[in-house]
């Protein structure tokens, strides 16, 4: 099937092919706005003068020991700048800031008590950034999925109808009795041909 043939196939149903995905996309957008909450992220950093990997282990323990409802704490390290970062992620921006700073202060206290010569510079979190996934992705994905699903459904239905028509045509041809066959001509007997020649 060519592109032009496919266009002629879907053209009578073009309004349906466009309207149904649009309605589904609007429903997906409303559902995303109502059901998907905002996600916030706050970061607090600890810059050290030595033993950054040791401080990273202390920060891991501090993050694990800091508990805030709905807040997940993770740590990362940048050895080039000797910086340990504690990241708090959750749906409450203020709680993210509090959790990140609480874990940072605890890590700083424990690291300084372990390493007498350690000098630190605390960079506390002041605000949480909104890191919510783009909600427009959901209606766009819904529109494309429903749109191509309808196109496939129309094509499959058309091919199925063609197959049914071919089967019906074949069955009707097999059901029709063959027409009368003409009687074969019989060759004249050689004796009669000879006698006719003699009479002439």
N, C-alpha and C. Protein backbone atom coordinates (compact mmCIF):
# COMPACT_ATOMS: atom_id res chain seq x y z
N UNK A 1 0.84 -1.19 0.00
CA UNK A 1 0.00 0.00 0.00
C UNK A 1 0.88 1.25 0.00
N UNK A 2 0.60 2.15 -0.94
CA UNK A 2 1.36 3.38 -1.04
C UNK A 2 0.85 4.41 -0.02
N UNK A 3 1.61 5.50 0.11
CA UNK A 3 1.21 6.56 1.03
C UNK A 3 -0.09 7.22 0.55
N UNK A 4 -0.22 7.37 -0.76
CA UNK A 4 -1.44 7.98 -1.29
C UNK A 4 -2.66 7.10 -1.03
N UNK A 5 -2.49 5.80 -1.20
CA UNK A 5 -3.60 4.87 -0.92
C UNK A 5 -3.97 4.91 0.57
N UNK A 6 -2.96 4.98 1.42
CA UNK A 6 -3.24 5.06 2.85
C UNK A 6 -3.95 6.37 3.21
N UNK A 7 -3.57 7.46 2.56
CA UNK A 7 -4.23 8.73 2.79
C UNK A 7 -5.70 8.68 2.40
N UNK A 8 -5.99 8.09 1.25
CA UNK A 8 -7.39 7.92 0.83
C UNK A 8 -8.15 7.02 1.80
N UNK A 9 -7.44 6.09 2.44
CA UNK A 9 -8.09 5.20 3.39
C UNK A 9 -8.49 5.92 4.66
N UNK A 10 -7.62 6.78 5.18
CA UNK A 10 -7.91 7.44 6.46
C UNK A 10 -8.63 8.78 6.29
N UNK A 11 -8.70 9.28 5.07
CA UNK A 11 -9.29 10.61 4.87
C UNK A 11 -10.74 10.68 5.34
N UNK A 12 -11.59 9.69 5.07
CA UNK A 12 -12.97 9.78 5.59
C UNK A 12 -13.05 9.77 7.11
N UNK A 13 -12.03 9.22 7.77
CA UNK A 13 -12.03 9.12 9.24
C UNK A 13 -11.04 10.11 9.86
N UNK A 14 -10.63 11.13 9.12
CA UNK A 14 -9.60 12.04 9.60
C UNK A 14 -10.04 12.80 10.86
N UNK A 15 -11.30 13.21 10.90
CA UNK A 15 -11.80 13.94 12.07
C UNK A 15 -11.72 13.07 13.33
N UNK A 16 -12.07 11.80 13.19
CA UNK A 16 -12.00 10.88 14.33
C UNK A 16 -10.56 10.65 14.74
N UNK A 17 -9.66 10.51 13.76
CA UNK A 17 -8.26 10.22 14.04
C UNK A 17 -7.60 11.38 14.80
N UNK A 18 -8.07 12.60 14.57
CA UNK A 18 -7.49 13.76 15.25
C UNK A 18 -8.22 14.07 16.55
N UNK A 19 -9.53 13.94 16.56
CA UNK A 19 -10.32 14.32 17.73
C UNK A 19 -10.07 13.41 18.92
N UNK A 20 -10.03 12.11 18.69
CA UNK A 20 -9.86 11.18 19.80
C UNK A 20 -8.51 11.36 20.50
N UNK A 21 -7.37 11.45 19.78
CA UNK A 21 -6.12 11.71 20.49
C UNK A 21 -6.09 13.05 21.23
N UNK A 22 -6.75 14.07 20.67
CA UNK A 22 -6.79 15.36 21.34
C UNK A 22 -7.52 15.27 22.67
N UNK A 23 -8.66 14.58 22.67
CA UNK A 23 -9.42 14.42 23.91
C UNK A 23 -8.60 13.64 24.94
N UNK A 24 -7.94 12.58 24.50
CA UNK A 24 -7.11 11.80 25.41
C UNK A 24 -5.94 12.63 25.95
N UNK A 25 -5.36 13.49 25.10
CA UNK A 25 -4.26 14.33 25.55
C UNK A 25 -4.71 15.34 26.60
N UNK A 26 -5.90 15.90 26.41
CA UNK A 26 -6.43 16.85 27.40
C UNK A 26 -6.66 16.14 28.73
N UNK A 27 -7.22 14.94 28.68
CA UNK A 27 -7.44 14.18 29.91
C UNK A 27 -6.12 13.86 30.60
N UNK A 28 -5.10 13.49 29.80
CA UNK A 28 -3.79 13.19 30.38
C UNK A 28 -3.16 14.43 31.00
N UNK A 29 -3.36 15.59 30.37
CA UNK A 29 -2.80 16.83 30.92
C UNK A 29 -3.46 17.18 32.26
N UNK A 30 -4.78 17.08 32.32
CA UNK A 30 -5.49 17.38 33.57
C UNK A 30 -5.07 16.40 34.66
N UNK A 31 -4.96 15.12 34.29
CA UNK A 31 -4.54 14.12 35.29
C UNK A 31 -3.13 14.39 35.78
N UNK A 32 -2.23 14.80 34.88
CA UNK A 32 -0.86 15.09 35.29
C UNK A 32 -0.80 16.29 36.23
N UNK A 33 -1.62 17.31 35.94
CA UNK A 33 -1.62 18.50 36.80
C UNK A 33 -2.18 18.20 38.18
N UNK A 34 -3.17 17.30 38.24
CA UNK A 34 -3.83 17.03 39.51
C UNK A 34 -3.14 15.93 40.33
N UNK A 35 -2.56 14.95 39.65
CA UNK A 35 -2.08 13.76 40.36
C UNK A 35 -0.58 13.74 40.56
N UNK A 36 0.17 14.46 39.74
CA UNK A 36 1.63 14.42 39.88
C UNK A 36 2.07 15.62 40.71
N UNK A 37 2.59 15.40 41.90
CA UNK A 37 2.99 16.54 42.76
C UNK A 37 4.33 17.12 42.30
N UNK A 38 4.59 18.33 42.78
CA UNK A 38 5.88 18.96 42.51
C UNK A 38 6.98 18.26 43.31
N UNK A 39 8.16 18.22 42.71
CA UNK A 39 9.32 17.63 43.36
C UNK A 39 10.39 18.72 43.52
N UNK A 40 10.92 18.82 44.74
CA UNK A 40 11.91 19.86 45.03
C UNK A 40 13.23 19.22 45.44
N UNK A 41 14.28 20.00 45.28
CA UNK A 41 15.61 19.49 45.59
C UNK A 41 16.46 20.62 46.19
N UNK A 42 17.06 20.33 47.34
CA UNK A 42 17.94 21.29 48.02
C UNK A 42 19.32 20.65 48.18
N UNK A 43 20.36 21.47 47.99
CA UNK A 43 21.73 20.98 48.07
C UNK A 43 22.53 21.81 49.07
N UNK A 44 23.27 21.10 49.93
CA UNK A 44 24.17 21.72 50.89
C UNK A 44 25.54 21.08 50.73
N UNK A 45 26.57 21.91 50.74
CA UNK A 45 27.92 21.41 50.44
C UNK A 45 28.88 21.68 51.59
N UNK A 46 29.88 20.82 51.63
CA UNK A 46 30.93 20.92 52.65
C UNK A 46 32.28 20.86 51.93
N UNK A 47 33.00 21.98 51.95
CA UNK A 47 34.32 22.05 51.31
C UNK A 47 35.37 21.80 52.40
N UNK A 48 36.27 20.85 52.14
CA UNK A 48 37.26 20.45 53.14
C UNK A 48 38.67 20.67 52.60
N UNK A 49 39.62 20.65 53.48
CA UNK A 49 41.02 20.86 53.09
C UNK A 49 41.78 19.56 52.91
N UNK A 50 41.21 18.44 53.40
CA UNK A 50 41.92 17.16 53.31
C UNK A 50 40.93 16.02 53.50
N UNK A 51 41.40 14.81 53.14
CA UNK A 51 40.64 13.57 53.38
C UNK A 51 39.19 13.69 52.91
N UNK A 52 39.02 14.08 51.66
CA UNK A 52 37.66 14.29 51.16
C UNK A 52 36.88 12.98 51.12
N UNK A 53 37.54 11.87 50.84
CA UNK A 53 36.83 10.59 50.78
C UNK A 53 36.38 10.16 52.18
N UNK A 54 37.20 10.45 53.19
CA UNK A 54 36.79 10.15 54.56
C UNK A 54 35.58 10.98 54.96
N UNK A 55 35.61 12.24 54.60
CA UNK A 55 34.47 13.11 54.88
C UNK A 55 33.24 12.64 54.13
N UNK A 56 33.44 12.12 52.92
CA UNK A 56 32.30 11.58 52.14
C UNK A 56 31.65 10.43 52.90
N UNK A 57 32.45 9.54 53.50
CA UNK A 57 31.89 8.46 54.29
C UNK A 57 31.14 8.97 55.51
N UNK A 58 31.67 10.01 56.15
CA UNK A 58 30.97 10.60 57.29
C UNK A 58 29.64 11.21 56.83
N UNK A 59 29.64 11.87 55.67
CA UNK A 59 28.40 12.46 55.15
C UNK A 59 27.38 11.39 54.81
N UNK A 60 27.84 10.24 54.31
CA UNK A 60 26.91 9.13 54.04
C UNK A 60 26.20 8.69 55.31
N UNK A 61 26.96 8.56 56.39
CA UNK A 61 26.36 8.15 57.66
C UNK A 61 25.41 9.22 58.20
N UNK A 62 25.77 10.47 58.03
CA UNK A 62 24.91 11.55 58.50
C UNK A 62 23.61 11.60 57.71
N UNK A 63 23.71 11.40 56.41
CA UNK A 63 22.50 11.40 55.57
C UNK A 63 21.59 10.23 55.94
N UNK A 64 22.19 9.06 56.22
CA UNK A 64 21.38 7.90 56.60
C UNK A 64 20.72 8.09 57.96
N UNK A 65 21.35 8.86 58.81
CA UNK A 65 20.81 9.06 60.16
C UNK A 65 19.81 10.21 60.22
N UNK A 66 19.70 10.99 59.18
CA UNK A 66 18.77 12.13 59.16
C UNK A 66 17.45 11.68 58.55
N UNK A 67 16.38 11.80 59.31
CA UNK A 67 15.08 11.29 58.85
C UNK A 67 14.07 12.43 58.81
N UNK A 68 13.56 12.67 57.62
CA UNK A 68 12.44 13.61 57.41
C UNK A 68 11.41 12.89 56.55
N UNK A 69 10.15 13.04 56.93
CA UNK A 69 9.09 12.34 56.20
C UNK A 69 9.06 12.78 54.73
N UNK A 70 9.15 11.79 53.85
CA UNK A 70 9.05 12.06 52.41
C UNK A 70 10.28 12.69 51.79
N UNK A 71 11.40 12.74 52.52
CA UNK A 71 12.63 13.36 52.02
C UNK A 71 13.69 12.28 51.84
N UNK A 72 14.29 12.24 50.66
CA UNK A 72 15.38 11.30 50.37
C UNK A 72 16.69 12.07 50.33
N UNK A 73 17.69 11.58 51.06
CA UNK A 73 18.99 12.23 51.14
C UNK A 73 20.04 11.40 50.42
N UNK A 74 20.82 12.05 49.58
CA UNK A 74 21.92 11.40 48.88
C UNK A 74 23.17 12.27 49.00
N UNK A 75 24.32 11.64 48.79
CA UNK A 75 25.58 12.38 48.87
C UNK A 75 26.39 12.16 47.60
N UNK A 76 27.25 13.13 47.31
CA UNK A 76 28.17 13.03 46.17
C UNK A 76 29.44 13.77 46.53
N UNK A 77 30.51 13.48 45.80
CA UNK A 77 31.80 14.08 46.10
C UNK A 77 32.46 14.55 44.81
N UNK A 78 33.12 15.69 44.90
CA UNK A 78 33.93 16.23 43.81
C UNK A 78 35.35 16.33 44.33
N UNK A 79 36.17 15.37 43.93
CA UNK A 79 37.53 15.33 44.46
C UNK A 79 38.36 16.50 43.97
N UNK A 80 38.07 17.02 42.79
CA UNK A 80 38.86 18.13 42.26
C UNK A 80 38.73 19.38 43.13
N UNK A 81 37.52 19.64 43.60
CA UNK A 81 37.30 20.82 44.45
C UNK A 81 37.19 20.47 45.92
N UNK A 82 37.38 19.17 46.25
CA UNK A 82 37.31 18.70 47.65
C UNK A 82 35.99 19.11 48.29
N UNK A 83 34.92 18.81 47.57
CA UNK A 83 33.58 19.22 48.02
C UNK A 83 32.69 18.00 48.16
N UNK A 84 32.03 17.89 49.28
CA UNK A 84 31.02 16.86 49.52
C UNK A 84 29.66 17.54 49.53
N UNK A 85 28.75 17.03 48.72
CA UNK A 85 27.43 17.64 48.58
C UNK A 85 26.36 16.69 49.08
N UNK A 86 25.45 17.21 49.88
CA UNK A 86 24.30 16.45 50.37
C UNK A 86 23.06 17.01 49.68
N UNK A 87 22.30 16.13 49.04
CA UNK A 87 21.12 16.53 48.27
C UNK A 87 19.88 15.94 48.92
N UNK A 88 18.91 16.79 49.17
CA UNK A 88 17.62 16.36 49.74
C UNK A 88 16.54 16.55 48.69
N UNK A 89 15.78 15.49 48.43
CA UNK A 89 14.74 15.51 47.40
C UNK A 89 13.41 15.11 48.02
N UNK A 90 12.36 15.87 47.72
CA UNK A 90 11.04 15.56 48.25
C UNK A 90 10.00 16.51 47.71
N UNK A 91 8.79 16.41 48.23
CA UNK A 91 7.66 17.20 47.76
C UNK A 91 7.44 18.46 48.61
N UNK A 92 8.19 18.63 49.68
CA UNK A 92 8.09 19.79 50.54
C UNK A 92 9.40 20.56 50.44
N UNK A 93 9.36 21.76 49.87
CA UNK A 93 10.59 22.52 49.64
C UNK A 93 11.27 22.91 50.95
N UNK A 94 10.49 23.34 51.94
CA UNK A 94 11.08 23.75 53.21
C UNK A 94 11.72 22.57 53.93
N UNK A 95 11.07 21.41 53.87
CA UNK A 95 11.63 20.22 54.52
C UNK A 95 12.91 19.78 53.82
N UNK A 96 13.00 19.99 52.52
CA UNK A 96 14.23 19.64 51.80
C UNK A 96 15.40 20.49 52.28
N UNK A 97 15.15 21.77 52.45
CA UNK A 97 16.20 22.67 52.93
C UNK A 97 16.64 22.28 54.34
N UNK A 98 15.68 22.02 55.21
CA UNK A 98 15.99 21.65 56.60
C UNK A 98 16.76 20.34 56.66
N UNK A 99 16.34 19.35 55.86
CA UNK A 99 17.01 18.05 55.91
C UNK A 99 18.43 18.14 55.39
N UNK A 100 18.63 18.87 54.30
CA UNK A 100 19.98 19.00 53.75
C UNK A 100 20.91 19.69 54.73
N UNK A 101 20.44 20.76 55.36
CA UNK A 101 21.28 21.49 56.31
C UNK A 101 21.52 20.69 57.59
N UNK A 102 20.53 19.94 58.03
CA UNK A 102 20.71 19.12 59.23
C UNK A 102 21.76 18.04 58.99
N UNK A 103 21.69 17.38 57.86
CA UNK A 103 22.69 16.36 57.54
C UNK A 103 24.07 16.98 57.36
N UNK A 104 24.13 18.17 56.77
CA UNK A 104 25.41 18.85 56.58
C UNK A 104 26.05 19.21 57.92
N UNK A 105 25.28 19.75 58.82
CA UNK A 105 25.82 20.13 60.14
C UNK A 105 26.31 18.91 60.92
N UNK A 106 25.54 17.83 60.83
CA UNK A 106 25.96 16.62 61.53
C UNK A 106 27.24 16.06 60.94
N UNK A 107 27.33 16.06 59.60
CA UNK A 107 28.55 15.56 58.94
C UNK A 107 29.75 16.43 59.29
N UNK A 108 29.55 17.73 59.34
CA UNK A 108 30.66 18.63 59.69
C UNK A 108 31.14 18.40 61.12
N UNK A 109 30.21 18.23 62.03
CA UNK A 109 30.59 17.99 63.44
C UNK A 109 31.36 16.69 63.59
N UNK A 110 30.88 15.63 62.98
CA UNK A 110 31.53 14.33 63.12
C UNK A 110 32.89 14.32 62.42
N UNK A 111 32.98 14.97 61.25
CA UNK A 111 34.25 14.98 60.53
C UNK A 111 35.31 15.78 61.30
N UNK A 112 34.92 16.89 61.86
CA UNK A 112 35.88 17.70 62.63
C UNK A 112 36.34 16.99 63.90
N UNK A 113 35.45 16.19 64.49
CA UNK A 113 35.85 15.44 65.68
C UNK A 113 36.77 14.28 65.33
N UNK A 114 36.67 13.75 64.14
CA UNK A 114 37.53 12.64 63.71
C UNK A 114 38.90 13.15 63.24
N UNK A 115 38.93 14.26 62.54
CA UNK A 115 40.16 14.78 61.94
C UNK A 115 40.48 16.12 62.61
N UNK A 116 41.51 16.13 63.44
CA UNK A 116 41.82 17.33 64.22
C UNK A 116 42.27 18.49 63.35
N UNK A 117 42.97 18.19 62.26
CA UNK A 117 43.50 19.26 61.42
C UNK A 117 42.56 19.66 60.28
N UNK A 118 41.40 19.09 60.25
CA UNK A 118 40.46 19.35 59.15
C UNK A 118 39.87 20.75 59.27
N UNK A 119 39.86 21.45 58.17
CA UNK A 119 39.20 22.74 58.09
C UNK A 119 38.07 22.64 57.06
N UNK A 120 36.94 23.19 57.41
CA UNK A 120 35.77 23.05 56.55
C UNK A 120 35.13 24.40 56.26
N UNK A 121 34.41 24.41 55.17
CA UNK A 121 33.63 25.58 54.77
C UNK A 121 32.22 25.10 54.42
N UNK A 122 31.26 25.49 55.22
CA UNK A 122 29.88 25.03 55.02
C UNK A 122 29.15 25.97 54.06
N UNK A 123 28.49 25.35 53.09
CA UNK A 123 27.64 26.09 52.15
C UNK A 123 26.22 25.52 52.30
N UNK A 124 25.48 26.11 53.20
CA UNK A 124 24.16 25.58 53.51
C UNK A 124 23.15 25.91 52.41
N UNK A 125 22.12 25.08 52.38
CA UNK A 125 21.04 25.29 51.40
C UNK A 125 20.15 26.43 51.88
N UNK A 126 19.79 27.29 50.96
CA UNK A 126 18.90 28.41 51.29
C UNK A 126 17.52 28.27 50.65
N UNK A 127 17.44 27.53 49.57
CA UNK A 127 16.16 27.33 48.88
C UNK A 127 16.22 26.01 48.13
N UNK A 128 15.05 25.50 47.83
CA UNK A 128 14.94 24.25 47.08
C UNK A 128 14.48 24.55 45.66
N UNK A 129 15.10 23.90 44.72
CA UNK A 129 14.75 24.09 43.30
C UNK A 129 13.66 23.11 42.90
N UNK A 130 12.77 23.57 42.02
CA UNK A 130 11.70 22.71 41.51
C UNK A 130 12.27 21.85 40.39
N UNK A 131 12.32 20.54 40.61
CA UNK A 131 12.87 19.61 39.61
C UNK A 131 11.79 18.67 39.08
N UNK A 132 10.55 19.12 39.13
CA UNK A 132 9.44 18.29 38.64
C UNK A 132 9.60 18.05 37.15
N UNK A 133 9.32 16.82 36.73
CA UNK A 133 9.37 16.49 35.31
C UNK A 133 8.34 17.33 34.55
N UNK A 134 8.67 17.65 33.32
CA UNK A 134 7.78 18.45 32.49
C UNK A 134 6.46 17.71 32.29
N UNK A 135 5.39 18.32 32.74
CA UNK A 135 4.08 17.65 32.63
C UNK A 135 3.55 17.62 31.20
N UNK A 136 4.10 18.44 30.33
CA UNK A 136 3.64 18.41 28.93
C UNK A 136 4.04 17.11 28.22
N UNK A 137 5.00 16.39 28.81
CA UNK A 137 5.41 15.13 28.21
C UNK A 137 4.26 14.13 28.18
N UNK A 138 3.46 14.10 29.22
CA UNK A 138 2.41 13.09 29.34
C UNK A 138 1.29 13.29 28.30
N UNK A 139 0.74 14.50 28.12
CA UNK A 139 -0.27 14.65 27.06
C UNK A 139 0.31 14.45 25.67
N UNK A 140 1.55 14.87 25.45
CA UNK A 140 2.15 14.67 24.13
C UNK A 140 2.33 13.19 23.82
N UNK A 141 2.83 12.45 24.81
CA UNK A 141 2.99 11.01 24.61
C UNK A 141 1.64 10.32 24.42
N UNK A 142 0.64 10.76 25.17
CA UNK A 142 -0.70 10.17 25.02
C UNK A 142 -1.26 10.43 23.64
N UNK A 143 -1.11 11.66 23.14
CA UNK A 143 -1.62 11.99 21.80
C UNK A 143 -0.97 11.11 20.74
N UNK A 144 0.35 10.98 20.79
CA UNK A 144 1.05 10.19 19.77
C UNK A 144 0.67 8.71 19.85
N UNK A 145 0.57 8.18 21.05
CA UNK A 145 0.23 6.75 21.20
C UNK A 145 -1.16 6.47 20.66
N UNK A 146 -2.14 7.30 21.04
CA UNK A 146 -3.51 7.08 20.58
C UNK A 146 -3.62 7.32 19.07
N UNK A 147 -2.92 8.32 18.57
CA UNK A 147 -2.97 8.64 17.14
C UNK A 147 -2.47 7.46 16.31
N UNK A 148 -1.30 6.94 16.64
CA UNK A 148 -0.75 5.83 15.86
C UNK A 148 -1.53 4.54 16.10
N UNK A 149 -2.11 4.39 17.28
CA UNK A 149 -2.95 3.22 17.52
C UNK A 149 -4.19 3.24 16.63
N UNK A 150 -4.80 4.41 16.45
CA UNK A 150 -5.95 4.51 15.56
C UNK A 150 -5.56 4.25 14.12
N UNK A 151 -4.42 4.77 13.68
CA UNK A 151 -3.97 4.50 12.32
C UNK A 151 -3.76 3.01 12.09
N UNK A 152 -3.13 2.36 13.05
CA UNK A 152 -2.93 0.91 12.92
C UNK A 152 -4.25 0.16 12.92
N UNK A 153 -5.19 0.60 13.75
CA UNK A 153 -6.50 -0.07 13.79
C UNK A 153 -7.23 0.07 12.46
N UNK A 154 -7.17 1.25 11.86
CA UNK A 154 -7.83 1.47 10.56
C UNK A 154 -7.19 0.59 9.50
N UNK A 155 -5.86 0.52 9.50
CA UNK A 155 -5.16 -0.29 8.50
C UNK A 155 -5.46 -1.76 8.68
N UNK A 156 -5.44 -2.25 9.92
CA UNK A 156 -5.72 -3.66 10.17
C UNK A 156 -7.16 -4.00 9.78
N UNK A 157 -8.10 -3.11 10.09
CA UNK A 157 -9.50 -3.35 9.72
C UNK A 157 -9.65 -3.41 8.20
N UNK A 158 -8.95 -2.52 7.50
CA UNK A 158 -9.03 -2.53 6.03
C UNK A 158 -8.46 -3.83 5.46
N UNK A 159 -7.32 -4.25 5.97
CA UNK A 159 -6.73 -5.50 5.48
C UNK A 159 -7.61 -6.70 5.80
N UNK A 160 -8.25 -6.67 6.96
CA UNK A 160 -9.14 -7.78 7.33
C UNK A 160 -10.36 -7.81 6.41
N UNK A 161 -10.92 -6.65 6.10
CA UNK A 161 -12.06 -6.60 5.17
C UNK A 161 -11.66 -7.09 3.79
N UNK A 162 -10.48 -6.73 3.33
CA UNK A 162 -10.02 -7.22 2.03
C UNK A 162 -9.87 -8.74 2.05
N UNK A 163 -9.36 -9.27 3.15
CA UNK A 163 -9.21 -10.72 3.26
C UNK A 163 -10.57 -11.40 3.25
N UNK A 164 -11.55 -10.83 3.97
CA UNK A 164 -12.89 -11.42 3.98
C UNK A 164 -13.52 -11.38 2.60
N UNK A 165 -13.38 -10.26 1.90
CA UNK A 165 -13.93 -10.16 0.55
C UNK A 165 -13.28 -11.17 -0.39
N UNK A 166 -11.98 -11.37 -0.25
CA UNK A 166 -11.30 -12.34 -1.11
C UNK A 166 -11.80 -13.75 -0.82
N UNK A 167 -12.02 -14.07 0.46
CA UNK A 167 -12.53 -15.40 0.80
C UNK A 167 -13.95 -15.60 0.28
N UNK A 168 -14.80 -14.58 0.42
CA UNK A 168 -16.16 -14.69 -0.10
C UNK A 168 -16.18 -14.86 -1.61
N UNK A 169 -15.32 -14.13 -2.31
CA UNK A 169 -15.26 -14.26 -3.77
C UNK A 169 -14.81 -15.65 -4.17
N UNK A 170 -13.82 -16.18 -3.44
CA UNK A 170 -13.35 -17.53 -3.75
C UNK A 170 -14.42 -18.56 -3.48
N UNK A 171 -15.15 -18.41 -2.38
CA UNK A 171 -16.22 -19.36 -2.07
C UNK A 171 -17.34 -19.31 -3.08
N UNK A 172 -17.69 -18.11 -3.55
CA UNK A 172 -18.75 -18.00 -4.56
C UNK A 172 -18.33 -18.62 -5.88
N UNK A 173 -17.07 -18.51 -6.24
CA UNK A 173 -16.60 -19.13 -7.46
C UNK A 173 -16.61 -20.65 -7.34
N UNK A 174 -16.28 -21.15 -6.16
CA UNK A 174 -16.31 -22.60 -5.97
C UNK A 174 -17.73 -23.14 -5.90
N UNK A 175 -18.68 -22.32 -5.46
CA UNK A 175 -20.06 -22.79 -5.35
C UNK A 175 -20.77 -22.81 -6.70
N UNK A 176 -20.42 -21.97 -7.66
CA UNK A 176 -21.07 -21.95 -8.97
C UNK A 176 -20.71 -23.19 -9.75
N UNK A 177 -21.75 -23.96 -10.30
CA UNK A 177 -21.45 -25.17 -11.09
C UNK A 177 -20.84 -24.77 -12.43
N UNK A 178 -19.96 -25.57 -12.94
CA UNK A 178 -19.36 -25.26 -14.25
C UNK A 178 -20.41 -25.31 -15.35
N UNK A 179 -20.27 -24.48 -16.36
CA UNK A 179 -21.22 -24.44 -17.48
C UNK A 179 -21.11 -25.70 -18.34
N UNK A 180 -22.11 -25.95 -19.23
CA UNK A 180 -22.09 -27.16 -20.10
C UNK A 180 -20.92 -27.10 -21.07
N UNK A 181 -20.24 -28.20 -21.17
CA UNK A 181 -19.10 -28.30 -22.05
C UNK A 181 -19.56 -28.76 -23.44
N UNK A 182 -19.05 -28.20 -24.53
CA UNK A 182 -19.46 -28.65 -25.89
C UNK A 182 -18.99 -30.08 -26.15
N UNK A 183 -19.87 -30.83 -26.89
CA UNK A 183 -19.54 -32.24 -27.18
C UNK A 183 -18.37 -32.30 -28.14
N UNK A 184 -17.43 -33.16 -27.88
CA UNK A 184 -16.26 -33.26 -28.78
C UNK A 184 -16.67 -33.84 -30.13
N UNK A 185 -16.06 -33.35 -31.18
CA UNK A 185 -16.31 -33.88 -32.52
C UNK A 185 -15.61 -35.22 -32.71
N UNK A 186 -16.35 -36.14 -33.32
CA UNK A 186 -15.78 -37.48 -33.57
C UNK A 186 -15.22 -37.51 -34.98
N UNK A 187 -14.09 -38.11 -35.15
CA UNK A 187 -13.48 -38.22 -36.48
C UNK A 187 -14.26 -39.21 -37.34
N UNK A 188 -14.39 -38.91 -38.58
CA UNK A 188 -15.12 -39.79 -39.52
C UNK A 188 -14.35 -41.08 -39.72
N UNK A 189 -15.10 -42.16 -39.87
CA UNK A 189 -14.47 -43.47 -40.08
C UNK A 189 -13.73 -43.49 -41.42
N UNK A 190 -12.57 -44.10 -41.51
CA UNK A 190 -11.81 -44.11 -42.78
C UNK A 190 -12.51 -44.84 -43.91
N UNK A 191 -13.33 -45.84 -43.56
CA UNK A 191 -14.04 -46.59 -44.61
C UNK A 191 -15.03 -45.71 -45.33
N UNK A 192 -15.76 -44.88 -44.55
CA UNK A 192 -16.76 -44.01 -45.17
C UNK A 192 -16.11 -42.96 -46.05
N UNK A 193 -14.98 -42.44 -45.62
CA UNK A 193 -14.31 -41.43 -46.43
C UNK A 193 -13.86 -42.01 -47.74
N UNK A 194 -13.37 -43.23 -47.72
CA UNK A 194 -12.90 -43.87 -48.95
C UNK A 194 -14.02 -44.15 -49.90
N UNK A 195 -15.21 -44.60 -49.35
CA UNK A 195 -16.33 -44.92 -50.24
C UNK A 195 -16.88 -43.65 -50.88
N UNK A 196 -16.87 -42.53 -50.15
CA UNK A 196 -17.34 -41.31 -50.73
C UNK A 196 -16.42 -40.84 -51.85
N UNK A 197 -15.16 -41.04 -51.71
CA UNK A 197 -14.20 -40.67 -52.75
C UNK A 197 -14.39 -41.52 -54.00
N UNK A 198 -14.72 -42.78 -53.80
CA UNK A 198 -14.92 -43.68 -54.94
C UNK A 198 -16.17 -43.30 -55.69
N UNK A 199 -17.23 -42.87 -54.96
CA UNK A 199 -18.48 -42.51 -55.63
C UNK A 199 -18.28 -41.29 -56.49
N UNK A 200 -17.43 -40.36 -56.01
CA UNK A 200 -17.17 -39.20 -56.80
C UNK A 200 -16.39 -39.55 -58.05
